[in-house]
Amino acid sequence: MFIVGFILKAINFYGLYSYTIPLHAFTYGGIGMMTLGMMARISLGHTGRNINQPPSALKWVFALLFLGTLMRVILPIFIPSAYLHIIGTTQGLWIIAFAIFLYHYLMIFIRPRSDGKPG
């Protein structure tokens, strides 16, 4: 999403759409997915679990974030009158994605390490 943000920023040099469109590609898409990816990977590694076998629901978490990013970046360009509804919907997708992550990772966080090491 960072590349998409840079492309949208370059295209918007001519003021075709709001300056917030590329910003949302960077923040919601780029930083949001990067943060969640790091949390998922680090949580597995630091609890002694296999980093190559994340919970299967993680794909749905990233799918929701990707869908939210597409909606937040593309829809306001074509339907600017629905901006507030789009923001509300994408906020809901963000919350649902992180709630699914928390639901599946909470047990990982509170159980002892699977490799038996302290920590």
PDB file of N, CA and C in Angstrom:
ATOM      1  N   MET A   1       0.803  -1.189   0.000  1.00  0.00           N
ATOM      2  CA  MET A   1       0.000   0.000   0.000  1.00  0.00           C
ATOM      3  C   MET A   1       0.854   1.264   0.000  1.00  0.00           C
ATOM      4  N   PHE A   2       2.100   1.142   0.416  1.00  0.00           N
ATOM      5  CA  PHE A   2       2.957   2.318   0.380  1.00  0.00           C
ATOM      6  C   PHE A   2       3.178   2.776  -1.058  1.00  0.00           C
ATOM      7  N   ILE A   3       3.370   1.812  -1.956  1.00  0.00           N
ATOM      8  CA  ILE A   3       3.574   2.157  -3.366  1.00  0.00           C
ATOM      9  C   ILE A   3       2.331   2.826  -3.923  1.00  0.00           C
ATOM     10  N   VAL A   4       1.163   2.288  -3.586  1.00  0.00           N
ATOM     11  CA  VAL A   4      -0.095   2.892  -4.034  1.00  0.00           C
ATOM     12  C   VAL A   4      -0.202   4.316  -3.502  1.00  0.00           C
ATOM     13  N   GLY A   5       0.180   4.524  -2.260  1.00  0.00           N
ATOM     14  CA  GLY A   5       0.159   5.865  -1.677  1.00  0.00           C
ATOM     15  C   GLY A   5       1.056   6.832  -2.425  1.00  0.00           C
ATOM     16  N   PHE A   6       2.263   6.379  -2.778  1.00  0.00           N
ATOM     17  CA  PHE A   6       3.174   7.239  -3.534  1.00  0.00           C
ATOM     18  C   PHE A   6       2.625   7.553  -4.923  1.00  0.00           C
ATOM     19  N   ILE A   7       2.041   6.558  -5.568  1.00  0.00           N
ATOM     20  CA  ILE A   7       1.459   6.777  -6.900  1.00  0.00           C
ATOM     21  C   ILE A   7       0.304   7.769  -6.815  1.00  0.00           C
ATOM     22  N   LEU A   8      -0.575   7.583  -5.838  1.00  0.00           N
ATOM     23  CA  LEU A   8      -1.703   8.504  -5.673  1.00  0.00           C
ATOM     24  C   LEU A   8      -1.226   9.912  -5.337  1.00  0.00           C
ATOM     25  N   LYS A   9      -0.171  10.010  -4.553  1.00  0.00           N
ATOM     26  CA  LYS A   9       0.393  11.323  -4.217  1.00  0.00           C
ATOM     27  C   LYS A   9       0.934  12.007  -5.463  1.00  0.00           C
ATOM     28  N   ALA A  10       1.609  11.255  -6.320  1.00  0.00           N
ATOM     29  CA  ALA A  10       2.150  11.827  -7.553  1.00  0.00           C
ATOM     30  C   ALA A  10       1.036  12.249  -8.509  1.00  0.00           C
ATOM     31  N   ILE A  11       0.023  11.418  -8.652  1.00  0.00           N
ATOM     32  CA  ILE A  11      -1.092  11.745  -9.546  1.00  0.00           C
ATOM     33  C   ILE A  11      -1.845  12.966  -9.027  1.00  0.00           C
ATOM     34  N   ASN A  12      -1.940  13.096  -7.718  1.00  0.00           N
ATOM     35  CA  ASN A  12      -2.700  14.200  -7.134  1.00  0.00           C
ATOM     36  C   ASN A  12      -1.960  15.533  -7.199  1.00  0.00           C
ATOM     37  N   PHE A  13      -0.814  15.561  -7.818  1.00  0.00           N
ATOM     38  CA  PHE A  13      -0.092  16.816  -8.041  1.00  0.00           C
ATOM     39  C   PHE A  13      -0.990  17.825  -8.746  1.00  0.00           C
ATOM     40  N   TYR A  14      -1.903  17.325  -9.551  1.00  0.00           N
ATOM     41  CA  TYR A  14      -2.814  18.181 -10.308  1.00  0.00           C
ATOM     42  C   TYR A  14      -4.107  18.469  -9.549  1.00  0.00           C
ATOM     43  N   GLY A  15      -4.240  18.002  -8.319  1.00  0.00           N
ATOM     44  CA  GLY A  15      -5.405  18.292  -7.496  1.00  0.00           C
ATOM     45  C   GLY A  15      -6.680  17.616  -7.952  1.00  0.00           C
ATOM     46  N   LEU A  16      -6.571  16.386  -8.424  1.00  0.00           N
ATOM     47  CA  LEU A  16      -7.740  15.677  -8.941  1.00  0.00           C
ATOM     48  C   LEU A  16      -8.675  15.195  -7.839  1.00  0.00           C
ATOM     49  N   TYR A  17      -8.154  14.995  -6.640  1.00  0.00           N
ATOM     50  CA  TYR A  17      -8.952  14.504  -5.522  1.00  0.00           C
ATOM     51  C   TYR A  17      -8.338  15.020  -4.233  1.00  0.00           C
ATOM     52  N   SER A  18      -8.969  14.717  -3.129  1.00  0.00           N
ATOM     53  CA  SER A  18      -8.540  15.221  -1.827  1.00  0.00           C
ATOM     54  C   SER A  18      -7.140  14.711  -1.466  1.00  0.00           C
ATOM     55  N   TYR A  19      -6.399  15.542  -0.775  1.00  0.00           N
ATOM     56  CA  TYR A  19      -5.057  15.154  -0.336  1.00  0.00           C
ATOM     57  C   TYR A  19      -5.088  14.013   0.677  1.00  0.00           C
ATOM     58  N   THR A  20      -6.258  13.742   1.262  1.00  0.00           N
ATOM     59  CA  THR A  20      -6.346  12.676   2.266  1.00  0.00           C
ATOM     60  C   THR A  20      -6.354  11.280   1.646  1.00  0.00           C
ATOM     61  N   ILE A  21      -6.639  11.185   0.358  1.00  0.00           N
ATOM     62  CA  ILE A  21      -6.696   9.869  -0.293  1.00  0.00           C
ATOM     63  C   ILE A  21      -5.338   9.161  -0.216  1.00  0.00           C
ATOM     64  N   PRO A  22      -4.233   9.787  -0.674  1.00  0.00           N
ATOM     65  CA  PRO A  22      -2.940   9.103  -0.527  1.00  0.00           C
ATOM     66  C   PRO A  22      -2.551   8.896   0.940  1.00  0.00           C
ATOM     67  N   LEU A  23      -2.938   9.827   1.793  1.00  0.00           N
ATOM     68  CA  LEU A  23      -2.639   9.699   3.216  1.00  0.00           C
ATOM     69  C   LEU A  23      -3.278   8.445   3.802  1.00  0.00           C
ATOM     70  N   HIS A  24      -4.518   8.152   3.404  1.00  0.00           N
ATOM     71  CA  HIS A  24      -5.182   6.946   3.885  1.00  0.00           C
ATOM     72  C   HIS A  24      -4.532   5.683   3.323  1.00  0.00           C
ATOM     73  N   ALA A  25      -4.014   5.751   2.114  1.00  0.00           N
ATOM     74  CA  ALA A  25      -3.293   4.591   1.566  1.00  0.00           C
ATOM     75  C   ALA A  25      -2.049   4.305   2.407  1.00  0.00           C
ATOM     76  N   PHE A  26      -1.342   5.375   2.796  1.00  0.00           N
ATOM     77  CA  PHE A  26      -0.155   5.209   3.639  1.00  0.00           C
ATOM     78  C   PHE A  26      -0.515   4.711   5.039  1.00  0.00           C
ATOM     79  N   THR A  27      -1.492   5.355   5.662  1.00  0.00           N
ATOM     80  CA  THR A  27      -1.765   5.075   7.071  1.00  0.00           C
ATOM     81  C   THR A  27      -2.635   3.844   7.270  1.00  0.00           C
ATOM     82  N   TYR A  28      -3.825   3.844   6.727  1.00  0.00           N
ATOM     83  CA  TYR A  28      -4.749   2.724   6.924  1.00  0.00           C
ATOM     84  C   TYR A  28      -4.168   1.465   6.298  1.00  0.00           C
ATOM     85  N   GLY A  29      -3.719   1.578   5.062  1.00  0.00           N
ATOM     86  CA  GLY A  29      -3.217   0.405   4.354  1.00  0.00           C
ATOM     87  C   GLY A  29      -1.802   0.027   4.727  1.00  0.00           C
ATOM     88  N   GLY A  30      -0.886   0.950   4.540  1.00  0.00           N
ATOM     89  CA  GLY A  30       0.521   0.647   4.753  1.00  0.00           C
ATOM     90  C   GLY A  30       0.885   0.421   6.206  1.00  0.00           C
ATOM     91  N   ILE A  31       0.662   1.427   7.025  1.00  0.00           N
ATOM     92  CA  ILE A  31       1.044   1.324   8.429  1.00  0.00           C
ATOM     93  C   ILE A  31       0.167   0.315   9.164  1.00  0.00           C
ATOM     94  N   GLY A  32      -1.126   0.296   8.857  1.00  0.00           N
ATOM     95  CA  GLY A  32      -2.032  -0.649   9.516  1.00  0.00           C
ATOM     96  C   GLY A  32      -1.650  -2.093   9.264  1.00  0.00           C
ATOM     97  N   MET A  33      -1.397  -2.426   8.001  1.00  0.00           N
ATOM     98  CA  MET A  33      -1.026  -3.810   7.675  1.00  0.00           C
ATOM     99  C   MET A  33       0.362  -4.156   8.194  1.00  0.00           C
ATOM    100  N   MET A  34       1.273  -3.201   8.118  1.00  0.00           N
ATOM    101  CA  MET A  34       2.627  -3.448   8.619  1.00  0.00           C
ATOM    102  C   MET A  34       2.602  -3.690  10.132  1.00  0.00           C
ATOM    103  N   THR A  35       1.838  -2.892  10.851  1.00  0.00           N
ATOM    104  CA  THR A  35       1.736  -3.051  12.302  1.00  0.00           C
ATOM    105  C   THR A  35       1.137  -4.405  12.660  1.00  0.00           C
ATOM    106  N   LEU A  36       0.056  -4.751  12.007  1.00  0.00           N
ATOM    107  CA  LEU A  36      -0.591  -6.028  12.295  1.00  0.00           C
ATOM    108  C   LEU A  36       0.318  -7.201  11.924  1.00  0.00           C
ATOM    109  N   GLY A  37       1.004  -7.101  10.805  1.00  0.00           N
ATOM    110  CA  GLY A  37       1.925  -8.160  10.402  1.00  0.00           C
ATOM    111  C   GLY A  37       3.053  -8.355  11.400  1.00  0.00           C
ATOM    112  N   MET A  38       3.605  -7.244  11.884  1.00  0.00           N
ATOM    113  CA  MET A  38       4.670  -7.345  12.877  1.00  0.00           C
ATOM    114  C   MET A  38       4.146  -7.912  14.194  1.00  0.00           C
ATOM    115  N   MET A  39       2.958  -7.481  14.608  1.00  0.00           N
ATOM    116  CA  MET A  39       2.382  -8.010  15.849  1.00  0.00           C
ATOM    117  C   MET A  39       2.149  -9.511  15.735  1.00  0.00           C
ATOM    118  N   ALA A  40       1.661  -9.949  14.586  1.00  0.00           N
ATOM    119  CA  ALA A  40       1.385 -11.373  14.390  1.00  0.00           C
ATOM    120  C   ALA A  40       2.676 -12.189  14.419  1.00  0.00           C
ATOM    121  N   ARG A  41       3.678 -11.729  13.713  1.00  0.00           N
ATOM    122  CA  ARG A  41       4.944 -12.461  13.615  1.00  0.00           C
ATOM    123  C   ARG A  41       5.692 -12.460  14.950  1.00  0.00           C
ATOM    124  N   ILE A  42       5.821 -11.297  15.555  1.00  0.00           N
ATOM    125  CA  ILE A  42       6.566 -11.173  16.810  1.00  0.00           C
ATOM    126  C   ILE A  42       5.876 -11.950  17.930  1.00  0.00           C
ATOM    127  N   SER A  43       4.554 -11.914  17.953  1.00  0.00           N
ATOM    128  CA  SER A  43       3.812 -12.635  18.998  1.00  0.00           C
ATOM    129  C   SER A  43       4.084 -14.127  18.934  1.00  0.00           C
ATOM    130  N   LEU A  44       4.154 -14.664  17.741  1.00  0.00           N
ATOM    131  CA  LEU A  44       4.444 -16.095  17.607  1.00  0.00           C
ATOM    132  C   LEU A  44       5.881 -16.397  18.013  1.00  0.00           C
ATOM    133  N   GLY A  45       6.809 -15.606  17.523  1.00  0.00           N
ATOM    134  CA  GLY A  45       8.218 -15.851  17.816  1.00  0.00           C
ATOM    135  C   GLY A  45       8.567 -15.716  19.288  1.00  0.00           C
ATOM    136  N   HIS A  46       8.029 -14.709  19.943  1.00  0.00           N
ATOM    137  CA  HIS A  46       8.367 -14.455  21.345  1.00  0.00           C
ATOM    138  C   HIS A  46       7.603 -15.340  22.320  1.00  0.00           C
ATOM    139  N   THR A  47       6.686 -16.140  21.808  1.00  0.00           N
ATOM    140  CA  THR A  47       5.992 -17.100  22.680  1.00  0.00           C
ATOM    141  C   THR A  47       6.391 -18.531  22.338  1.00  0.00           C
ATOM    142  N   GLY A  48       7.460 -18.677  21.551  1.00  0.00           N
ATOM    143  CA  GLY A  48       8.000 -19.994  21.249  1.00  0.00           C
ATOM    144  C   GLY A  48       7.200 -20.792  20.244  1.00  0.00           C
ATOM    145  N   ARG A  49       6.354 -20.138  19.481  1.00  0.00           N
ATOM    146  CA  ARG A  49       5.540 -20.852  18.495  1.00  0.00           C
ATOM    147  C   ARG A  49       6.178 -20.749  17.114  1.00  0.00           C
ATOM    148  N   ASN A  50       5.732 -21.601  16.222  1.00  0.00           N
ATOM    149  CA  ASN A  50       6.263 -21.632  14.864  1.00  0.00           C
ATOM    150  C   ASN A  50       5.764 -20.407  14.097  1.00  0.00           C
ATOM    151  N   ILE A  51       6.695 -19.582  13.635  1.00  0.00           N
ATOM    152  CA  ILE A  51       6.300 -18.366  12.914  1.00  0.00           C
ATOM    153  C   ILE A  51       5.764 -18.669  11.520  1.00  0.00           C
ATOM    154  N   ASN A  52       5.998 -19.884  11.051  1.00  0.00           N
ATOM    155  CA  ASN A  52       5.515 -20.267   9.722  1.00  0.00           C
ATOM    156  C   ASN A  52       4.119 -20.882   9.757  1.00  0.00           C
ATOM    157  N   GLN A  53       3.535 -20.979  10.935  1.00  0.00           N
ATOM    158  CA  GLN A  53       2.183 -21.530  11.078  1.00  0.00           C
ATOM    159  C   GLN A  53       1.315 -20.601  11.921  1.00  0.00           C
ATOM    160  N   PRO A  54       0.961 -19.441  11.381  1.00  0.00           N
ATOM    161  CA  PRO A  54       0.092 -18.532  12.139  1.00  0.00           C
ATOM    162  C   PRO A  54      -1.331 -19.075  12.182  1.00  0.00           C
ATOM    163  N   PRO A  55      -2.165 -18.546  13.050  1.00  0.00           N
ATOM    164  CA  PRO A  55      -3.569 -18.968  13.065  1.00  0.00           C
ATOM    165  C   PRO A  55      -4.204 -18.754  11.687  1.00  0.00           C
ATOM    166  N   SER A  56      -5.051 -19.681  11.295  1.00  0.00           N
ATOM    167  CA  SER A  56      -5.640 -19.614   9.948  1.00  0.00           C
ATOM    168  C   SER A  56      -6.523 -18.387   9.757  1.00  0.00           C
ATOM    169  N   ALA A  57      -7.037 -17.828  10.826  1.00  0.00           N
ATOM    170  CA  ALA A  57      -7.906 -16.649  10.713  1.00  0.00           C
ATOM    171  C   ALA A  57      -7.132 -15.394  10.326  1.00  0.00           C
ATOM    172  N   LEU A  58      -5.812 -15.451  10.388  1.00  0.00           N
ATOM    173  CA  LEU A  58      -5.011 -14.273  10.075  1.00  0.00           C
ATOM    174  C   LEU A  58      -5.218 -13.806   8.638  1.00  0.00           C
ATOM    175  N   LYS A  59      -5.487 -14.749   7.730  1.00  0.00           N
ATOM    176  CA  LYS A  59      -5.729 -14.354   6.336  1.00  0.00           C
ATOM    177  C   LYS A  59      -6.982 -13.492   6.229  1.00  0.00           C
ATOM    178  N   TRP A  60      -7.987 -13.768   7.067  1.00  0.00           N
ATOM    179  CA  TRP A  60      -9.217 -12.966   7.057  1.00  0.00           C
ATOM    180  C   TRP A  60      -8.966 -11.584   7.646  1.00  0.00           C
ATOM    181  N   VAL A  61      -8.094 -11.514   8.612  1.00  0.00           N
ATOM    182  CA  VAL A  61      -7.746 -10.226   9.202  1.00  0.00           C
ATOM    183  C   VAL A  61      -7.121  -9.325   8.143  1.00  0.00           C
ATOM    184  N   PHE A  62      -6.164  -9.864   7.398  1.00  0.00           N
ATOM    185  CA  PHE A  62      -5.520  -9.070   6.353  1.00  0.00           C
ATOM    186  C   PHE A  62      -6.470  -8.778   5.199  1.00  0.00           C
ATOM    187  N   ALA A  63      -7.365  -9.702   4.903  1.00  0.00           N
ATOM    188  CA  ALA A  63      -8.358  -9.458   3.850  1.00  0.00           C
ATOM    189  C   ALA A  63      -9.274  -8.300   4.236  1.00  0.00           C
ATOM    190  N   LEU A  64      -9.691  -8.251   5.495  1.00  0.00           N
ATOM    191  CA  LEU A  64     -10.535  -7.143   5.952  1.00  0.00           C
ATOM    192  C   LEU A  64      -9.796  -5.812   5.881  1.00  0.00           C
ATOM    193  N   LEU A  65      -8.537  -5.805   6.280  1.00  0.00           N
ATOM    194  CA  LEU A  65      -7.757  -4.571   6.196  1.00  0.00           C
ATOM    195  C   LEU A  65      -7.543  -4.145   4.752  1.00  0.00           C
ATOM    196  N   PHE A  66      -7.299  -5.101   3.876  1.00  0.00           N
ATOM    197  CA  PHE A  66      -7.107  -4.778   2.461  1.00  0.00           C
ATOM    198  C   PHE A  66      -8.397  -4.229   1.857  1.00  0.00           C
ATOM    199  N   LEU A  67      -9.522  -4.873   2.175  1.00  0.00           N
ATOM    200  CA  LEU A  67     -10.813  -4.387   1.690  1.00  0.00           C
ATOM    201  C   LEU A  67     -11.089  -2.983   2.215  1.00  0.00           C
ATOM    202  N   GLY A  68     -10.817  -2.765   3.482  1.00  0.00           N
ATOM    203  CA  GLY A  68     -11.005  -1.438   4.059  1.00  0.00           C
ATOM    204  C   GLY A  68     -10.131  -0.393   3.395  1.00  0.00           C
ATOM    205  N   THR A  69      -8.898  -0.767   3.079  1.00  0.00           N
ATOM    206  CA  THR A  69      -8.001   0.162   2.395  1.00  0.00           C
ATOM    207  C   THR A  69      -8.531   0.512   1.017  1.00  0.00           C
ATOM    208  N   LEU A  70      -8.946  -0.494   0.268  1.00  0.00           N
ATOM    209  CA  LEU A  70      -9.494  -0.228  -1.064  1.00  0.00           C
ATOM    210  C   LEU A  70     -10.709   0.686  -0.987  1.00  0.00           C
ATOM    211  N   MET A  71     -11.587   0.394  -0.034  1.00  0.00           N
ATOM    212  CA  MET A  71     -12.786   1.223   0.109  1.00  0.00           C
ATOM    213  C   MET A  71     -12.423   2.657   0.489  1.00  0.00           C
ATOM    214  N   ARG A  72     -11.479   2.796   1.395  1.00  0.00           N
ATOM    215  CA  ARG A  72     -11.131   4.131   1.901  1.00  0.00           C
ATOM    216  C   ARG A  72     -10.365   4.951   0.879  1.00  0.00           C
ATOM    217  N   VAL A  73      -9.662   4.293  -0.022  1.00  0.00           N
ATOM    218  CA  VAL A  73      -8.851   5.004  -1.003  1.00  0.00           C
ATOM    219  C   VAL A  73      -9.604   5.226  -2.313  1.00  0.00           C
ATOM    220  N   ILE A  74     -10.307   4.223  -2.786  1.00  0.00           N
ATOM    221  CA  ILE A  74     -10.913   4.306  -4.117  1.00  0.00           C
ATOM    222  C   ILE A  74     -12.310   4.920  -4.106  1.00  0.00           C
ATOM    223  N   LEU A  75     -13.155   4.490  -3.189  1.00  0.00           N
ATOM    224  CA  LEU A  75     -14.545   4.958  -3.208  1.00  0.00           C
ATOM    225  C   LEU A  75     -14.701   6.473  -3.069  1.00  0.00           C
ATOM    226  N   PRO A  76     -13.945   7.159  -2.197  1.00  0.00           N
ATOM    227  CA  PRO A  76     -14.128   8.612  -2.112  1.00  0.00           C
ATOM    228  C   PRO A  76     -13.787   9.360  -3.407  1.00  0.00           C
ATOM    229  N   ILE A  77     -12.959   8.771  -4.240  1.00  0.00           N
ATOM    230  CA  ILE A  77     -12.636   9.408  -5.521  1.00  0.00           C
ATOM    231  C   ILE A  77     -13.858   9.406  -6.424  1.00  0.00           C
ATOM    232  N   PHE A  78     -14.604   8.308  -6.410  1.00  0.00           N
ATOM    233  CA  PHE A  78     -15.739   8.160  -7.314  1.00  0.00           C
ATOM    234  C   PHE A  78     -17.076   8.544  -6.685  1.00  0.00           C
ATOM    235  N   ILE A  79     -17.183   8.447  -5.363  1.00  0.00           N
ATOM    236  CA  ILE A  79     -18.437   8.781  -4.674  1.00  0.00           C
ATOM    237  C   ILE A  79     -18.115   9.718  -3.498  1.00  0.00           C
ATOM    238  N   PRO A  80     -17.691  10.938  -3.774  1.00  0.00           N
ATOM    239  CA  PRO A  80     -17.308  11.827  -2.668  1.00  0.00           C
ATOM    240  C   PRO A  80     -18.461  12.180  -1.733  1.00  0.00           C
ATOM    241  N   SER A  81     -19.687  12.111  -2.222  1.00  0.00           N
ATOM    242  CA  SER A  81     -20.833  12.451  -1.368  1.00  0.00           C
ATOM    243  C   SER A  81     -21.057  11.415  -0.259  1.00  0.00           C
ATOM    244  N   ALA A  82     -20.520  10.220  -0.418  1.00  0.00           N
ATOM    245  CA  ALA A  82     -20.691   9.158   0.580  1.00  0.00           C
ATOM    246  C   ALA A  82     -19.480   9.033   1.499  1.00  0.00           C
ATOM    247  N   TYR A  83     -18.670  10.075   1.575  1.00  0.00           N
ATOM    248  CA  TYR A  83     -17.411  10.008   2.308  1.00  0.00           C
ATOM    249  C   TYR A  83     -17.598   9.584   3.767  1.00  0.00           C
ATOM    250  N   LEU A  84     -18.541  10.193   4.466  1.00  0.00           N
ATOM    251  CA  LEU A  84     -18.731   9.857   5.882  1.00  0.00           C
ATOM    252  C   LEU A  84     -19.185   8.415   6.068  1.00  0.00           C
ATOM    253  N   HIS A  85     -20.000   7.925   5.171  1.00  0.00           N
ATOM    254  CA  HIS A  85     -20.434   6.522   5.250  1.00  0.00           C
ATOM    255  C   HIS A  85     -19.262   5.579   4.978  1.00  0.00           C
ATOM    256  N   ILE A  86     -18.427   5.964   4.034  1.00  0.00           N
ATOM    257  CA  ILE A  86     -17.244   5.155   3.713  1.00  0.00           C
ATOM    258  C   ILE A  86     -16.304   5.104   4.917  1.00  0.00           C
ATOM    259  N   ILE A  87     -16.075   6.252   5.545  1.00  0.00           N
ATOM    260  CA  ILE A  87     -15.203   6.304   6.718  1.00  0.00           C
ATOM    261  C   ILE A  87     -15.761   5.420   7.831  1.00  0.00           C
ATOM    262  N   GLY A  88     -17.060   5.519   8.080  1.00  0.00           N
ATOM    263  CA  GLY A  88     -17.681   4.691   9.118  1.00  0.00           C
ATOM    264  C   GLY A  88     -17.561   3.208   8.832  1.00  0.00           C
ATOM    265  N   THR A  89     -17.783   2.829   7.581  1.00  0.00           N
ATOM    266  CA  THR A  89     -17.686   1.420   7.199  1.00  0.00           C
ATOM    267  C   THR A  89     -16.262   0.906   7.354  1.00  0.00           C
ATOM    268  N   THR A  90     -15.297   1.697   6.909  1.00  0.00           N
ATOM    269  CA  THR A  90     -13.906   1.246   6.995  1.00  0.00           C
ATOM    270  C   THR A  90     -13.410   1.235   8.440  1.00  0.00           C
ATOM    271  N   GLN A  91     -13.937   2.117   9.270  1.00  0.00           N
ATOM    272  CA  GLN A  91     -13.601   2.049  10.695  1.00  0.00           C
ATOM    273  C   GLN A  91     -14.106   0.740  11.290  1.00  0.00           C
ATOM    274  N   GLY A  92     -15.305   0.348  10.889  1.00  0.00           N
ATOM    275  CA  GLY A  92     -15.858  -0.922  11.355  1.00  0.00           C
ATOM    276  C   GLY A  92     -15.018  -2.106  10.913  1.00  0.00           C
ATOM    277  N   LEU A  93     -14.558  -2.083   9.659  1.00  0.00           N
ATOM    278  CA  LEU A  93     -13.701  -3.165   9.167  1.00  0.00           C
ATOM    279  C   LEU A  93     -12.395  -3.226   9.955  1.00  0.00           C
ATOM    280  N   TRP A  94     -11.833  -2.066  10.262  1.00  0.00           N
ATOM    281  CA  TRP A  94     -10.597  -1.989  11.045  1.00  0.00           C
ATOM    282  C   TRP A  94     -10.804  -2.615  12.427  1.00  0.00           C
ATOM    283  N   ILE A  95     -11.889  -2.239  13.084  1.00  0.00           N
ATOM    284  CA  ILE A  95     -12.184  -2.752  14.421  1.00  0.00           C
ATOM    285  C   ILE A  95     -12.420  -4.258  14.382  1.00  0.00           C
ATOM    286  N   ILE A  96     -13.164  -4.725  13.401  1.00  0.00           N
ATOM    287  CA  ILE A  96     -13.430  -6.164  13.276  1.00  0.00           C
ATOM    288  C   ILE A  96     -12.132  -6.931  13.043  1.00  0.00           C
ATOM    289  N   ALA A  97     -11.269  -6.400  12.171  1.00  0.00           N
ATOM    290  CA  ALA A  97      -9.998  -7.073  11.878  1.00  0.00           C
ATOM    291  C   ALA A  97      -9.148  -7.206  13.137  1.00  0.00           C
ATOM    292  N   PHE A  98      -9.013  -6.127  13.890  1.00  0.00           N
ATOM    293  CA  PHE A  98      -8.192  -6.190  15.097  1.00  0.00           C
ATOM    294  C   PHE A  98      -8.864  -7.007  16.193  1.00  0.00           C
ATOM    295  N   ALA A  99     -10.188  -7.039  16.219  1.00  0.00           N
ATOM    296  CA  ALA A  99     -10.898  -7.883  17.192  1.00  0.00           C
ATOM    297  C   ALA A  99     -10.668  -9.363  16.883  1.00  0.00           C
ATOM    298  N   ILE A 100     -10.687  -9.730  15.612  1.00  0.00           N
ATOM    299  CA  ILE A 100     -10.398 -11.119  15.229  1.00  0.00           C
ATOM    300  C   ILE A 100      -8.968 -11.480  15.619  1.00  0.00           C
ATOM    301  N   PHE A 101      -8.042 -10.556  15.362  1.00  0.00           N
ATOM    302  CA  PHE A 101      -6.648 -10.782  15.753  1.00  0.00           C
ATOM    303  C   PHE A 101      -6.556 -11.014  17.263  1.00  0.00           C
ATOM    304  N   LEU A 102      -7.176 -10.146  18.033  1.00  0.00           N
ATOM    305  CA  LEU A 102      -7.119 -10.272  19.487  1.00  0.00           C
ATOM    306  C   LEU A 102      -7.756 -11.574  19.955  1.00  0.00           C
ATOM    307  N   TYR A 103      -8.865 -11.946  19.366  1.00  0.00           N
ATOM    308  CA  TYR A 103      -9.550 -13.185  19.741  1.00  0.00           C
ATOM    309  C   TYR A 103      -8.627 -14.394  19.561  1.00  0.00           C
ATOM    310  N   HIS A 104      -7.909 -14.438  18.442  1.00  0.00           N
ATOM    311  CA  HIS A 104      -7.060 -15.599  18.157  1.00  0.00           C
ATOM    312  C   HIS A 104      -5.703 -15.532  18.853  1.00  0.00           C
ATOM    313  N   TYR A 105      -5.234 -14.342  19.156  1.00  0.00           N
ATOM    314  CA  TYR A 105      -3.917 -14.214  19.767  1.00  0.00           C
ATOM    315  C   TYR A 105      -3.967 -14.069  21.283  1.00  0.00           C
ATOM    316  N   LEU A 106      -5.111 -13.801  21.860  1.00  0.00           N
ATOM    317  CA  LEU A 106      -5.194 -13.625  23.305  1.00  0.00           C
ATOM    318  C   LEU A 106      -4.727 -14.876  24.045  1.00  0.00           C
ATOM    319  N   MET A 107      -5.126 -16.038  23.569  1.00  0.00           N
ATOM    320  CA  MET A 107      -4.693 -17.283  24.210  1.00  0.00           C
ATOM    321  C   MET A 107      -3.186 -17.486  24.054  1.00  0.00           C
ATOM    322  N   ILE A 108      -2.649 -17.048  22.938  1.00  0.00           N
ATOM    323  CA  ILE A 108      -1.199 -17.135  22.741  1.00  0.00           C
ATOM    324  C   ILE A 108      -0.492 -16.255  23.765  1.00  0.00           C
ATOM    325  N   PHE A 109      -1.066 -15.084  24.037  1.00  0.00           N
ATOM    326  CA  PHE A 109      -0.445 -14.141  24.969  1.00  0.00           C
ATOM    327  C   PHE A 109      -0.502 -14.610  26.421  1.00  0.00           C
ATOM    328  N   ILE A 110      -1.569 -15.284  26.821  1.00  0.00           N
ATOM    329  CA  ILE A 110      -1.727 -15.608  28.246  1.00  0.00           C
ATOM    330  C   ILE A 110      -1.262 -17.014  28.614  1.00  0.00           C
ATOM    331  N   ARG A 111      -1.042 -17.867  27.636  1.00  0.00           N
ATOM    332  CA  ARG A 111      -0.545 -19.222  27.926  1.00  0.00           C
ATOM    333  C   ARG A 111       0.980 -19.207  28.034  1.00  0.00           C
ATOM    334  N   PRO A 112       1.533 -20.211  28.720  1.00  0.00           N
ATOM    335  CA  PRO A 112       2.994 -20.310  28.773  1.00  0.00           C
ATOM    336  C   PRO A 112       3.577 -20.552  27.375  1.00  0.00           C
ATOM    337  N   ARG A 113       4.857 -20.257  27.239  1.00  0.00           N
ATOM    338  CA  ARG A 113       5.539 -20.493  25.962  1.00  0.00           C
ATOM    339  C   ARG A 113       5.414 -21.958  25.573  1.00  0.00           C
ATOM    340  N   SER A 114       5.238 -22.209  24.308  1.00  0.00           N
ATOM    341  CA  SER A 114       5.063 -23.592  23.857  1.00  0.00           C
ATOM    342  C   SER A 114       6.378 -24.365  23.825  1.00  0.00           C
ATOM    343  N   ASP A 115       7.520 -23.664  23.815  1.00  0.00           N
ATOM    344  CA  ASP A 115       8.808 -24.359  23.795  1.00  0.00           C
ATOM    345  C   ASP A 115       9.356 -24.618  25.199  1.00  0.00           C
ATOM    346  N   GLY A 116       8.614 -24.221  26.223  1.00  0.00           N
ATOM    347  CA  GLY A 116       9.012 -24.495  27.599  1.00  0.00           C
ATOM    348  C   GLY A 116      10.024 -23.530  28.185  1.00  0.00           C
ATOM    349  N   LYS A 117      10.518 -22.590  27.419  1.00  0.00           N
ATOM    350  CA  LYS A 117      11.477 -21.608  27.926  1.00  0.00           C
ATOM    351  C   LYS A 117      10.754 -20.593  28.807  1.00  0.00           C
ATOM    352  N   PRO A 118      11.502 -19.962  29.716  1.00  0.00           N
ATOM    353  CA  PRO A 118      10.849 -18.937  30.554  1.00  0.00           C
ATOM    354  C   PRO A 118      10.504 -17.693  29.730  1.00  0.00           C
ATOM    355  N   GLY A 119       9.473 -17.006  30.181  1.00  0.00           N
ATOM    356  CA  GLY A 119       9.118 -15.750  29.508  1.00  0.00           C
ATOM    357  C   GLY A 119       7.708 -15.676  29.055  1.00  0.00           C
TER     358      GLY A 119
END
